Structure formats: structure tokens, C-alpha cells
């Protein structure tokens, strides 16, 4: 019985290693993965119908370079979500495909918006002095969305809106939605602000 368990374990291990090797080989065949990994380290990829999803991390001030590297491989971003990691790097989820689009016209404004110091990113516990931005996302249409949390909804209008309005290329912040939940720090609003660019 012990021998059959060892055989089963070895077989399972070989199958798992083969699966990981196949995934790694598939990732290294993608020119976007190759270009991004050489600059930013590990890139995860998922093959979705009609496009691929890439997950990676990079410094906040390198978002435009990430996007331009994708374009340089003749792939075109159709969606990006940028959030903050505990090490203060940007966590990026990006969808891109080989169908040409005009997403590049928004790269500079997106870089301005997420440049450190422009928005109050949530990096720890919320406080009642500032809202905390949790993500910026866009499908590269005429709108970009800022997601966040706050203990005081008024801070969205008194603090976040003026910060957004100073970003070159981004305008007309509009409070889109807010929903409340309870937390140890108090009642928290998860909010969404949609902007034009």
C-alpha cells in the first residue's frame, strides 16, 4: 500500500510539473509577456476569448511605460485596473488584444492621474481626514473611474475632487455611486467617481 501511495504521489507530481511547464511555455510565447517580464518581473497571463489578461506589478510612475511596451509588441490595451500593493507598487490587471485601437491617446493622462502624490491612495487603515483611493480603472473610452473608500462622504467632494481637477487631461469628476458597510473603524462608504478625459 505504501508503494502504491508513493507511485500515486510521483504520478501526481509529474502531472503538476508538466502542467506548470505547459503554462510557462505558453506564457513565454507571448511577446507582451516577454517584453514586460524583462522590465518588471513576473507577468501572469490568461487567454480569454478574443483577448488576453495580464497581471503584473510596477512602480506607479511606470504605468505609461508598461502600456507603451504593450503597444510596441502590436498589442492594444482595452482595459486596465490599477490598485496599490502593500509595498506601494501598482498592482495591474490589463486586458489587451491584437486588434488596433486608439487607447494610446489616454496613456499620458492615466500616468498623470496615478503618479504618486496626485491621489490619496489607501495604503493602511482609513482615517476620517482623507478618502482612500483603492483603484483606478478604464476601458480607454472617454471615461476613467476612480474607486475608493471613506469614513466621511463629504471628503470625496472637499478633498478628492480638487485633487482630480488638478490632473492635466482629466476633468469633470462625477460621484457615480456609494454603498455603506460597517467596519471596526466605523461606517465605511465604498465609492466610485467617474471622470472625463
N, C-alpha and C. Protein backbone atom coordinates (compact mmCIF):
# COMPACT_ATOMS: atom_id res chain seq x y z
N UNK A 1 0.82 -1.19 0.00
CA UNK A 1 0.00 0.00 0.00
C UNK A 1 0.86 1.25 0.00
N UNK A 2 1.96 1.24 0.80
CA UNK A 2 2.86 2.39 0.85
C UNK A 2 3.45 2.65 -0.53
N UNK A 3 3.84 1.56 -1.25
CA UNK A 3 4.42 1.69 -2.58
C UNK A 3 3.41 2.31 -3.55
N UNK A 4 2.14 1.93 -3.48
CA UNK A 4 1.14 2.49 -4.39
C UNK A 4 0.90 3.97 -4.08
N UNK A 5 0.96 4.35 -2.79
CA UNK A 5 0.82 5.77 -2.44
C UNK A 5 1.98 6.59 -2.97
N UNK A 6 3.19 6.04 -2.89
CA UNK A 6 4.37 6.73 -3.41
C UNK A 6 4.24 6.87 -4.93
N UNK A 7 3.81 5.80 -5.61
CA UNK A 7 3.61 5.86 -7.07
C UNK A 7 2.57 6.91 -7.43
N UNK A 8 1.47 6.92 -6.69
CA UNK A 8 0.42 7.91 -6.95
C UNK A 8 0.96 9.32 -6.75
N UNK A 9 1.72 9.54 -5.67
CA UNK A 9 2.30 10.85 -5.39
C UNK A 9 3.25 11.27 -6.51
N UNK A 10 4.11 10.35 -6.96
CA UNK A 10 5.05 10.67 -8.05
C UNK A 10 4.30 11.01 -9.33
N UNK A 11 3.27 10.23 -9.64
CA UNK A 11 2.47 10.50 -10.84
C UNK A 11 1.80 11.86 -10.75
N UNK A 12 1.24 12.14 -9.59
CA UNK A 12 0.58 13.44 -9.40
C UNK A 12 1.58 14.58 -9.52
N UNK A 13 2.76 14.41 -8.97
CA UNK A 13 3.80 15.43 -9.04
C UNK A 13 4.23 15.65 -10.48
N UNK A 14 4.40 14.57 -11.24
CA UNK A 14 4.78 14.69 -12.65
C UNK A 14 3.72 15.42 -13.46
N UNK A 15 2.45 15.09 -13.20
CA UNK A 15 1.35 15.78 -13.91
C UNK A 15 1.36 17.27 -13.57
N UNK A 16 1.54 17.59 -12.27
CA UNK A 16 1.56 19.00 -11.86
C UNK A 16 2.73 19.74 -12.50
N UNK A 17 3.91 19.13 -12.52
CA UNK A 17 5.08 19.76 -13.14
C UNK A 17 4.88 19.95 -14.64
N UNK A 18 4.28 18.97 -15.28
CA UNK A 18 4.00 19.08 -16.71
C UNK A 18 3.02 20.22 -16.98
N UNK A 19 1.99 20.33 -16.14
CA UNK A 19 1.00 21.40 -16.28
C UNK A 19 1.66 22.77 -16.13
N UNK A 20 2.50 22.92 -15.09
CA UNK A 20 3.21 24.19 -14.86
C UNK A 20 4.14 24.50 -16.03
N UNK A 21 4.80 23.48 -16.57
CA UNK A 21 5.70 23.68 -17.71
C UNK A 21 4.94 24.14 -18.94
N UNK A 22 3.76 23.56 -19.16
CA UNK A 22 2.93 23.95 -20.31
C UNK A 22 2.49 25.40 -20.17
N UNK A 23 2.05 25.79 -18.95
CA UNK A 23 1.64 27.17 -18.72
C UNK A 23 2.81 28.11 -18.93
N UNK A 24 3.98 27.77 -18.38
CA UNK A 24 5.16 28.63 -18.53
C UNK A 24 5.56 28.76 -19.99
N UNK A 25 5.49 27.66 -20.72
CA UNK A 25 5.85 27.70 -22.15
C UNK A 25 4.87 28.58 -22.90
N UNK A 26 3.58 28.49 -22.57
CA UNK A 26 2.58 29.32 -23.22
C UNK A 26 2.80 30.79 -22.93
N UNK A 27 3.21 31.11 -21.70
CA UNK A 27 3.45 32.50 -21.34
C UNK A 27 4.66 33.05 -22.07
N UNK A 28 5.71 32.25 -22.18
CA UNK A 28 6.93 32.77 -22.80
C UNK A 28 6.77 32.95 -24.30
N UNK A 29 5.74 32.34 -24.89
CA UNK A 29 5.48 32.52 -26.32
C UNK A 29 4.81 33.85 -26.62
N UNK A 30 4.25 34.50 -25.62
CA UNK A 30 3.54 35.74 -25.85
C UNK A 30 4.52 36.91 -25.82
N UNK A 31 4.56 37.73 -26.88
CA UNK A 31 5.54 38.82 -26.94
C UNK A 31 5.33 39.88 -25.86
N UNK A 32 4.08 40.07 -25.43
CA UNK A 32 3.80 41.05 -24.38
C UNK A 32 4.43 40.58 -23.07
N UNK A 33 4.25 39.31 -22.75
CA UNK A 33 4.83 38.75 -21.52
C UNK A 33 6.35 38.89 -21.56
N UNK A 34 6.96 38.54 -22.69
CA UNK A 34 8.41 38.63 -22.82
C UNK A 34 8.89 40.07 -22.60
N UNK A 35 8.21 41.02 -23.24
CA UNK A 35 8.62 42.43 -23.12
C UNK A 35 8.44 42.95 -21.69
N UNK A 36 7.32 42.63 -21.06
CA UNK A 36 7.05 43.13 -19.71
C UNK A 36 7.92 42.46 -18.66
N UNK A 37 8.12 41.14 -18.79
CA UNK A 37 8.92 40.42 -17.79
C UNK A 37 10.36 40.91 -17.76
N UNK A 38 10.89 41.29 -18.91
CA UNK A 38 12.28 41.76 -18.94
C UNK A 38 12.44 43.07 -18.17
N UNK A 39 11.36 43.83 -18.01
CA UNK A 39 11.43 45.11 -17.32
C UNK A 39 10.84 45.09 -15.91
N UNK A 40 9.81 44.28 -15.71
CA UNK A 40 9.04 44.38 -14.46
C UNK A 40 8.92 43.07 -13.68
N UNK A 41 9.53 41.99 -14.14
CA UNK A 41 9.45 40.73 -13.41
C UNK A 41 8.24 39.91 -13.81
N UNK A 42 7.77 39.09 -12.92
CA UNK A 42 6.72 38.11 -13.20
C UNK A 42 5.47 38.74 -13.80
N UNK A 43 4.99 38.12 -14.88
CA UNK A 43 3.74 38.52 -15.52
C UNK A 43 2.88 37.25 -15.66
N UNK A 44 1.68 37.30 -15.13
CA UNK A 44 0.74 36.19 -15.29
C UNK A 44 -0.16 36.51 -16.47
N UNK A 45 -0.56 35.47 -17.20
CA UNK A 45 -1.39 35.67 -18.38
C UNK A 45 -2.54 34.68 -18.38
N UNK A 46 -3.70 35.18 -18.82
CA UNK A 46 -4.87 34.31 -19.03
C UNK A 46 -5.37 34.54 -20.44
N UNK A 47 -5.62 33.46 -21.14
CA UNK A 47 -6.14 33.54 -22.50
C UNK A 47 -7.66 33.57 -22.42
N UNK A 48 -8.24 34.72 -22.71
CA UNK A 48 -9.69 34.87 -22.69
C UNK A 48 -10.17 34.99 -24.13
N UNK A 49 -11.43 34.86 -24.34
CA UNK A 49 -11.96 34.86 -25.70
C UNK A 49 -11.76 36.22 -26.36
N UNK A 50 -10.88 36.28 -27.36
CA UNK A 50 -10.66 37.50 -28.12
C UNK A 50 -9.57 38.41 -27.58
N UNK A 51 -9.06 38.15 -26.37
CA UNK A 51 -8.00 38.97 -25.81
C UNK A 51 -7.30 38.18 -24.71
N UNK A 52 -6.23 38.75 -24.17
CA UNK A 52 -5.50 38.14 -23.07
C UNK A 52 -5.51 39.09 -21.87
N UNK A 53 -5.49 38.52 -20.68
CA UNK A 53 -5.41 39.32 -19.46
C UNK A 53 -4.03 39.14 -18.85
N UNK A 54 -3.36 40.25 -18.55
CA UNK A 54 -2.02 40.25 -18.00
C UNK A 54 -2.07 40.84 -16.59
N UNK A 55 -1.42 40.17 -15.64
CA UNK A 55 -1.35 40.65 -14.27
C UNK A 55 0.11 40.82 -13.90
N UNK A 56 0.46 42.00 -13.40
CA UNK A 56 1.84 42.29 -13.03
C UNK A 56 1.88 43.41 -12.02
N UNK A 57 3.05 43.72 -11.53
CA UNK A 57 3.22 44.89 -10.67
C UNK A 57 4.35 45.75 -11.24
N UNK A 58 4.24 47.05 -10.98
CA UNK A 58 5.24 48.01 -11.47
C UNK A 58 5.15 49.26 -10.61
N UNK A 59 6.20 50.07 -10.60
CA UNK A 59 6.11 51.35 -9.88
C UNK A 59 4.99 52.21 -10.49
N UNK A 60 4.34 53.00 -9.66
CA UNK A 60 3.25 53.84 -10.14
C UNK A 60 3.70 54.80 -11.25
N UNK A 61 4.94 55.26 -11.18
CA UNK A 61 5.40 56.21 -12.19
C UNK A 61 5.84 55.54 -13.49
N UNK A 62 5.60 54.22 -13.62
CA UNK A 62 5.98 53.47 -14.83
C UNK A 62 4.78 52.94 -15.60
N UNK A 63 3.57 53.37 -15.26
CA UNK A 63 2.36 52.83 -15.91
C UNK A 63 2.36 53.12 -17.41
N UNK A 64 2.72 54.34 -17.78
CA UNK A 64 2.74 54.70 -19.20
C UNK A 64 3.75 53.84 -19.95
N UNK A 65 4.90 53.56 -19.32
CA UNK A 65 5.91 52.72 -19.97
C UNK A 65 5.39 51.29 -20.14
N UNK A 66 4.66 50.77 -19.15
CA UNK A 66 4.05 49.44 -19.28
C UNK A 66 3.15 49.41 -20.51
N UNK A 67 2.29 50.40 -20.63
CA UNK A 67 1.34 50.45 -21.74
C UNK A 67 2.04 50.61 -23.09
N UNK A 68 3.07 51.44 -23.12
CA UNK A 68 3.81 51.62 -24.38
C UNK A 68 4.57 50.36 -24.79
N UNK A 69 5.03 49.59 -23.81
CA UNK A 69 5.67 48.30 -24.14
C UNK A 69 4.68 47.35 -24.79
N UNK A 70 3.44 47.38 -24.31
CA UNK A 70 2.39 46.53 -24.90
C UNK A 70 2.16 46.95 -26.36
N UNK A 71 2.01 48.24 -26.59
CA UNK A 71 1.79 48.77 -27.95
C UNK A 71 2.98 48.44 -28.86
N UNK A 72 4.18 48.48 -28.30
CA UNK A 72 5.37 48.20 -29.12
C UNK A 72 5.38 46.77 -29.65
N UNK A 73 4.60 45.89 -29.02
CA UNK A 73 4.50 44.50 -29.48
C UNK A 73 3.30 44.31 -30.41
N UNK A 74 2.68 45.44 -30.80
CA UNK A 74 1.49 45.45 -31.65
C UNK A 74 0.31 44.74 -31.00
N UNK A 75 0.22 44.93 -29.69
CA UNK A 75 -0.95 44.55 -28.91
C UNK A 75 -1.54 45.84 -28.37
N UNK A 76 -2.84 45.86 -28.11
CA UNK A 76 -3.51 47.11 -27.77
C UNK A 76 -4.38 46.93 -26.53
N UNK A 77 -4.08 47.69 -25.46
CA UNK A 77 -4.88 47.58 -24.23
C UNK A 77 -6.33 47.98 -24.47
N UNK A 78 -7.24 47.22 -23.88
CA UNK A 78 -8.66 47.53 -23.95
C UNK A 78 -9.26 47.76 -22.58
N UNK A 79 -8.48 47.50 -21.52
CA UNK A 79 -8.95 47.70 -20.15
C UNK A 79 -7.73 47.63 -19.24
N UNK A 80 -7.74 48.46 -18.19
CA UNK A 80 -6.70 48.37 -17.16
C UNK A 80 -7.30 48.73 -15.81
N UNK A 81 -6.87 48.02 -14.79
CA UNK A 81 -7.21 48.33 -13.40
C UNK A 81 -5.90 48.45 -12.64
N UNK A 82 -5.74 49.55 -11.92
CA UNK A 82 -4.51 49.82 -11.18
C UNK A 82 -4.89 50.01 -9.72
N UNK A 83 -4.27 49.23 -8.84
CA UNK A 83 -4.51 49.38 -7.41
C UNK A 83 -3.17 49.39 -6.69
N UNK A 84 -3.20 49.69 -5.41
CA UNK A 84 -1.96 49.82 -4.64
C UNK A 84 -1.68 48.55 -3.85
N UNK A 85 -0.43 48.08 -3.93
CA UNK A 85 0.01 46.93 -3.15
C UNK A 85 0.58 47.40 -1.81
N UNK A 86 0.74 46.50 -0.83
CA UNK A 86 1.33 46.90 0.45
C UNK A 86 2.75 47.48 0.31
N UNK A 87 3.50 47.06 -0.73
CA UNK A 87 4.85 47.60 -0.92
C UNK A 87 4.83 48.92 -1.71
N UNK A 88 3.63 49.47 -1.91
CA UNK A 88 3.40 50.75 -2.57
C UNK A 88 3.71 50.72 -4.08
N UNK A 89 3.82 49.54 -4.64
CA UNK A 89 3.85 49.40 -6.10
C UNK A 89 2.42 49.29 -6.60
N UNK A 90 2.27 49.47 -7.90
CA UNK A 90 0.95 49.33 -8.51
C UNK A 90 0.71 47.87 -8.88
N UNK A 91 -0.46 47.36 -8.51
CA UNK A 91 -0.92 46.05 -8.97
C UNK A 91 -1.76 46.31 -10.22
N UNK A 92 -1.39 45.69 -11.33
CA UNK A 92 -2.01 45.99 -12.62
C UNK A 92 -2.70 44.75 -13.17
N UNK A 93 -3.95 44.92 -13.56
CA UNK A 93 -4.66 43.90 -14.35
C UNK A 93 -5.02 44.59 -15.66
N UNK A 94 -4.52 44.05 -16.76
CA UNK A 94 -4.70 44.68 -18.06
C UNK A 94 -5.19 43.65 -19.06
N UNK A 95 -6.16 44.04 -19.87
CA UNK A 95 -6.62 43.18 -20.97
C UNK A 95 -6.18 43.82 -22.28
N UNK A 96 -5.64 43.01 -23.15
CA UNK A 96 -5.15 43.52 -24.43
C UNK A 96 -5.35 42.48 -25.51
N UNK A 97 -5.41 42.94 -26.74
CA UNK A 97 -5.56 42.06 -27.89
C UNK A 97 -4.80 42.63 -29.08
N UNK A 98 -4.87 41.94 -30.19
CA UNK A 98 -4.12 42.36 -31.37
C UNK A 98 -4.93 43.26 -32.30
N UNK A 99 -6.18 43.53 -31.94
CA UNK A 99 -6.99 44.45 -32.76
C UNK A 99 -6.62 45.88 -32.38
N UNK A 100 -6.21 46.66 -33.37
CA UNK A 100 -5.73 48.02 -33.13
C UNK A 100 -6.85 48.90 -32.59
N UNK A 101 -6.51 49.75 -31.61
CA UNK A 101 -7.45 50.73 -31.07
C UNK A 101 -6.70 52.02 -30.78
N UNK A 102 -7.40 53.03 -30.29
CA UNK A 102 -6.75 54.32 -30.02
C UNK A 102 -6.55 54.56 -28.53
N UNK A 103 -6.33 53.49 -27.76
CA UNK A 103 -6.14 53.61 -26.31
C UNK A 103 -4.95 54.49 -25.95
N UNK A 104 -3.94 54.55 -26.82
CA UNK A 104 -2.72 55.28 -26.52
C UNK A 104 -2.97 56.77 -26.28
N UNK A 105 -4.06 57.31 -26.80
CA UNK A 105 -4.34 58.73 -26.59
C UNK A 105 -4.60 59.05 -25.12
N UNK A 106 -4.90 58.04 -24.30
CA UNK A 106 -5.19 58.27 -22.88
C UNK A 106 -4.02 57.89 -21.97
N UNK A 107 -2.93 57.37 -22.50
CA UNK A 107 -1.83 56.90 -21.66
C UNK A 107 -1.24 58.01 -20.80
N UNK A 108 -0.99 59.18 -21.38
CA UNK A 108 -0.35 60.27 -20.63
C UNK A 108 -1.25 60.76 -19.49
N UNK A 109 -2.56 60.90 -19.76
CA UNK A 109 -3.49 61.35 -18.71
C UNK A 109 -3.59 60.31 -17.60
N UNK A 110 -3.60 59.03 -17.96
CA UNK A 110 -3.65 57.97 -16.95
C UNK A 110 -2.39 58.02 -16.09
N UNK A 111 -1.23 58.20 -16.72
CA UNK A 111 0.01 58.30 -15.96
C UNK A 111 -0.04 59.47 -14.99
N UNK A 112 -0.53 60.62 -15.45
CA UNK A 112 -0.66 61.79 -14.57
C UNK A 112 -1.56 61.47 -13.38
N UNK A 113 -2.67 60.81 -13.65
CA UNK A 113 -3.65 60.53 -12.60
C UNK A 113 -3.09 59.62 -11.51
N UNK A 114 -2.29 58.62 -11.89
CA UNK A 114 -1.80 57.65 -10.90
C UNK A 114 -0.39 57.96 -10.40
N UNK A 115 0.20 59.05 -10.87
CA UNK A 115 1.53 59.43 -10.39
C UNK A 115 1.48 59.68 -8.88
N UNK A 116 2.46 59.16 -8.13
CA UNK A 116 2.44 59.33 -6.68
C UNK A 116 2.26 60.80 -6.28
N UNK A 117 1.38 61.01 -5.30
CA UNK A 117 1.11 62.35 -4.81
C UNK A 117 -0.12 63.00 -5.42
N UNK A 118 -0.62 62.46 -6.52
CA UNK A 118 -1.79 63.06 -7.17
C UNK A 118 -3.08 62.64 -6.49
N UNK A 119 -3.18 61.38 -6.07
CA UNK A 119 -4.38 60.86 -5.41
C UNK A 119 -4.01 60.32 -4.03
N UNK A 120 -4.95 60.34 -3.09
CA UNK A 120 -4.68 59.80 -1.76
C UNK A 120 -4.92 58.28 -1.71
N UNK A 121 -3.95 57.49 -2.14
CA UNK A 121 -4.11 56.04 -2.19
C UNK A 121 -4.27 55.47 -0.79
N UNK A 122 -5.11 54.47 -0.66
CA UNK A 122 -5.30 53.77 0.62
C UNK A 122 -4.15 52.79 0.78
N UNK A 123 -3.29 53.03 1.76
CA UNK A 123 -2.16 52.14 1.99
C UNK A 123 -2.22 51.46 3.35
N UNK A 124 -3.13 51.90 4.19
CA UNK A 124 -3.28 51.29 5.52
C UNK A 124 -4.72 51.42 5.95
N UNK A 125 -4.92 51.70 7.22
CA UNK A 125 -6.27 51.88 7.76
C UNK A 125 -6.83 53.23 7.31
N UNK A 126 -8.12 53.28 7.08
CA UNK A 126 -8.78 54.54 6.75
C UNK A 126 -8.77 55.46 7.96
N UNK A 127 -8.73 56.78 7.68
CA UNK A 127 -8.92 57.74 8.75
C UNK A 127 -10.01 58.72 8.32
N UNK A 128 -10.45 59.56 9.23
CA UNK A 128 -11.54 60.48 8.91
C UNK A 128 -11.04 61.82 8.36
N UNK A 129 -9.77 61.85 7.95
CA UNK A 129 -9.19 63.08 7.42
C UNK A 129 -9.03 63.07 5.91
N UNK A 130 -9.12 61.87 5.29
CA UNK A 130 -8.90 61.77 3.85
C UNK A 130 -9.59 60.52 3.30
N UNK A 131 -10.14 60.61 2.09
CA UNK A 131 -10.63 59.38 1.46
C UNK A 131 -9.44 58.54 1.01
N UNK A 132 -9.65 57.28 0.77
CA UNK A 132 -8.58 56.41 0.30
C UNK A 132 -8.94 55.79 -1.04
N UNK A 133 -8.15 56.09 -2.06
CA UNK A 133 -8.38 55.52 -3.39
C UNK A 133 -7.89 54.08 -3.39
N UNK A 134 -8.73 53.16 -3.86
CA UNK A 134 -8.36 51.75 -3.90
C UNK A 134 -8.02 51.27 -5.31
N UNK A 135 -8.55 51.94 -6.34
CA UNK A 135 -8.25 51.52 -7.72
C UNK A 135 -8.61 52.62 -8.70
N UNK A 136 -7.93 52.60 -9.84
CA UNK A 136 -8.29 53.43 -10.99
C UNK A 136 -8.47 52.45 -12.13
N UNK A 137 -9.58 52.56 -12.85
CA UNK A 137 -9.81 51.62 -13.95
C UNK A 137 -10.45 52.32 -15.14
N UNK A 138 -10.17 51.80 -16.31
CA UNK A 138 -10.74 52.36 -17.53
C UNK A 138 -10.73 51.32 -18.64
N UNK A 139 -11.68 51.49 -19.56
CA UNK A 139 -11.68 50.68 -20.78
C UNK A 139 -11.16 51.53 -21.95
N UNK A 140 -10.51 52.64 -21.61
CA UNK A 140 -9.90 53.57 -22.58
C UNK A 140 -10.93 54.24 -23.48
N UNK A 141 -12.19 54.28 -23.00
CA UNK A 141 -13.20 55.08 -23.69
C UNK A 141 -13.00 56.52 -23.22
N UNK A 142 -14.04 57.33 -23.26
CA UNK A 142 -13.93 58.74 -22.86
C UNK A 142 -13.98 58.92 -21.34
N UNK A 143 -14.06 57.83 -20.58
CA UNK A 143 -14.21 57.92 -19.12
C UNK A 143 -13.15 57.08 -18.40
N UNK A 144 -12.80 57.53 -17.21
CA UNK A 144 -11.93 56.79 -16.31
C UNK A 144 -12.61 56.80 -14.94
N UNK A 145 -12.53 55.70 -14.20
CA UNK A 145 -13.23 55.57 -12.92
C UNK A 145 -12.23 55.44 -11.78
N UNK A 146 -12.49 56.19 -10.71
CA UNK A 146 -11.68 56.13 -9.50
C UNK A 146 -12.55 55.49 -8.42
N UNK A 147 -12.05 54.40 -7.84
CA UNK A 147 -12.77 53.68 -6.78
C UNK A 147 -12.07 53.94 -5.46
N UNK A 148 -12.83 53.99 -4.39
CA UNK A 148 -12.20 54.23 -3.10
C UNK A 148 -13.13 53.96 -1.93
N UNK A 149 -12.62 54.33 -0.75
CA UNK A 149 -13.37 54.18 0.49
C UNK A 149 -13.19 55.44 1.32
N UNK A 150 -14.19 55.74 2.11
CA UNK A 150 -14.09 56.89 3.01
C UNK A 150 -14.97 56.69 4.23
N UNK A 151 -14.54 57.28 5.35
CA UNK A 151 -15.36 57.29 6.56
C UNK A 151 -16.29 58.49 6.58
N UNK A 152 -15.99 59.50 5.75
CA UNK A 152 -16.83 60.70 5.66
C UNK A 152 -17.06 61.01 4.19
N UNK A 153 -18.30 60.89 3.74
CA UNK A 153 -18.59 61.07 2.31
C UNK A 153 -18.26 62.48 1.83
N UNK A 154 -18.35 63.48 2.70
CA UNK A 154 -18.05 64.86 2.30
C UNK A 154 -16.62 65.04 1.81
N UNK A 155 -15.70 64.16 2.27
CA UNK A 155 -14.29 64.26 1.86
C UNK A 155 -14.11 63.99 0.36
N UNK A 156 -15.03 63.25 -0.22
CA UNK A 156 -14.95 62.98 -1.66
C UNK A 156 -15.02 64.31 -2.42
N UNK A 157 -15.93 65.18 -1.99
CA UNK A 157 -16.15 66.45 -2.68
C UNK A 157 -15.16 67.52 -2.25
N UNK A 158 -14.83 67.55 -0.96
CA UNK A 158 -13.95 68.62 -0.46
C UNK A 158 -12.47 68.34 -0.71
N UNK A 159 -12.07 67.06 -0.77
CA UNK A 159 -10.66 66.74 -0.95
C UNK A 159 -10.35 66.03 -2.27
N UNK A 160 -11.10 64.97 -2.57
CA UNK A 160 -10.75 64.17 -3.75
C UNK A 160 -11.02 64.92 -5.05
N UNK A 161 -12.18 65.57 -5.17
CA UNK A 161 -12.49 66.29 -6.40
C UNK A 161 -11.43 67.34 -6.76
N UNK A 162 -10.99 68.19 -5.81
CA UNK A 162 -9.93 69.15 -6.16
C UNK A 162 -8.62 68.48 -6.60
N UNK A 163 -8.30 67.33 -6.00
CA UNK A 163 -7.10 66.60 -6.41
C UNK A 163 -7.23 66.11 -7.85
N UNK A 164 -8.40 65.58 -8.18
CA UNK A 164 -8.64 65.09 -9.54
C UNK A 164 -8.57 66.25 -10.54
N UNK A 165 -9.16 67.38 -10.17
CA UNK A 165 -9.23 68.52 -11.09
C UNK A 165 -7.87 69.14 -11.39
N UNK A 166 -6.88 68.88 -10.57
CA UNK A 166 -5.54 69.42 -10.86
C UNK A 166 -4.75 68.53 -11.82
N UNK A 167 -5.29 67.35 -12.15
CA UNK A 167 -4.60 66.42 -13.05
C UNK A 167 -4.84 66.85 -14.49
N UNK A 168 -3.74 67.14 -15.19
CA UNK A 168 -3.85 67.57 -16.58
C UNK A 168 -4.46 66.47 -17.44
N UNK A 169 -5.49 66.80 -18.20
CA UNK A 169 -6.12 65.83 -19.10
C UNK A 169 -7.30 65.09 -18.51
N UNK A 170 -7.56 65.28 -17.19
CA UNK A 170 -8.70 64.63 -16.53
C UNK A 170 -9.63 65.72 -16.02
N UNK A 171 -10.93 65.55 -16.23
CA UNK A 171 -11.86 66.62 -15.85
C UNK A 171 -13.22 66.05 -15.46
N UNK A 172 -14.08 66.95 -15.00
CA UNK A 172 -15.48 66.67 -14.69
C UNK A 172 -15.71 65.44 -13.81
N UNK A 173 -15.08 65.40 -12.60
CA UNK A 173 -15.38 64.27 -11.72
C UNK A 173 -16.85 64.25 -11.34
N UNK A 174 -17.43 63.07 -11.36
CA UNK A 174 -18.85 62.90 -11.08
C UNK A 174 -19.01 61.74 -10.10
N UNK A 175 -19.64 62.00 -8.96
CA UNK A 175 -19.88 60.95 -7.98
C UNK A 175 -20.91 59.99 -8.57
N UNK A 176 -20.46 58.76 -8.85
CA UNK A 176 -21.31 57.80 -9.55
C UNK A 176 -22.13 56.94 -8.60
N UNK A 177 -21.47 56.45 -7.54
CA UNK A 177 -22.20 55.58 -6.63
C UNK A 177 -21.48 55.48 -5.30
N UNK A 178 -22.23 55.12 -4.26
CA UNK A 178 -21.66 54.89 -2.94
C UNK A 178 -22.48 53.85 -2.21
N UNK A 179 -21.83 52.95 -1.50
CA UNK A 179 -22.54 51.95 -0.70
C UNK A 179 -21.83 51.81 0.64
N UNK A 180 -22.60 51.60 1.69
CA UNK A 180 -22.05 51.59 3.04
C UNK A 180 -21.91 50.17 3.59
N UNK A 181 -20.90 50.02 4.44
CA UNK A 181 -20.74 48.79 5.22
C UNK A 181 -20.09 49.17 6.55
N UNK A 182 -20.25 48.31 7.55
CA UNK A 182 -19.67 48.58 8.86
C UNK A 182 -18.28 47.95 8.94
N UNK A 183 -17.38 48.63 9.65
CA UNK A 183 -16.02 48.13 9.85
C UNK A 183 -15.59 48.50 11.26
N UNK A 184 -14.48 47.94 11.75
CA UNK A 184 -14.00 48.31 13.09
C UNK A 184 -13.72 49.81 13.22
N UNK A 185 -13.37 50.46 12.08
CA UNK A 185 -13.08 51.90 12.12
C UNK A 185 -14.34 52.75 12.09
N UNK A 186 -15.48 52.14 11.78
CA UNK A 186 -16.73 52.88 11.67
C UNK A 186 -17.46 52.53 10.38
N UNK A 187 -18.43 53.35 10.02
CA UNK A 187 -19.21 53.11 8.81
C UNK A 187 -18.40 53.57 7.60
N UNK A 188 -18.14 52.65 6.68
CA UNK A 188 -17.30 52.93 5.52
C UNK A 188 -18.15 53.01 4.26
N UNK A 189 -17.88 54.02 3.45
CA UNK A 189 -18.53 54.11 2.14
C UNK A 189 -17.53 53.67 1.08
N UNK A 190 -17.93 52.68 0.27
CA UNK A 190 -17.21 52.34 -0.95
C UNK A 190 -17.80 53.21 -2.05
N UNK A 191 -16.94 53.95 -2.74
CA UNK A 191 -17.47 54.90 -3.72
C UNK A 191 -16.81 54.74 -5.09
N UNK A 192 -17.47 55.32 -6.05
CA UNK A 192 -16.99 55.32 -7.43
C UNK A 192 -17.17 56.73 -7.99
N UNK A 193 -16.10 57.29 -8.55
CA UNK A 193 -16.13 58.62 -9.17
C UNK A 193 -15.71 58.45 -10.62
N UNK A 194 -16.57 58.89 -11.54
CA UNK A 194 -16.27 58.78 -12.96
C UNK A 194 -15.83 60.14 -13.49
N UNK A 195 -14.77 60.13 -14.28
CA UNK A 195 -14.21 61.37 -14.82
C UNK A 195 -14.10 61.29 -16.33
N UNK A 196 -14.06 62.44 -16.95
CA UNK A 196 -13.82 62.52 -18.40
C UNK A 196 -12.34 62.75 -18.64
N UNK A 197 -11.91 62.41 -19.88
CA UNK A 197 -10.54 62.75 -20.29
C UNK A 197 -10.45 62.87 -21.78
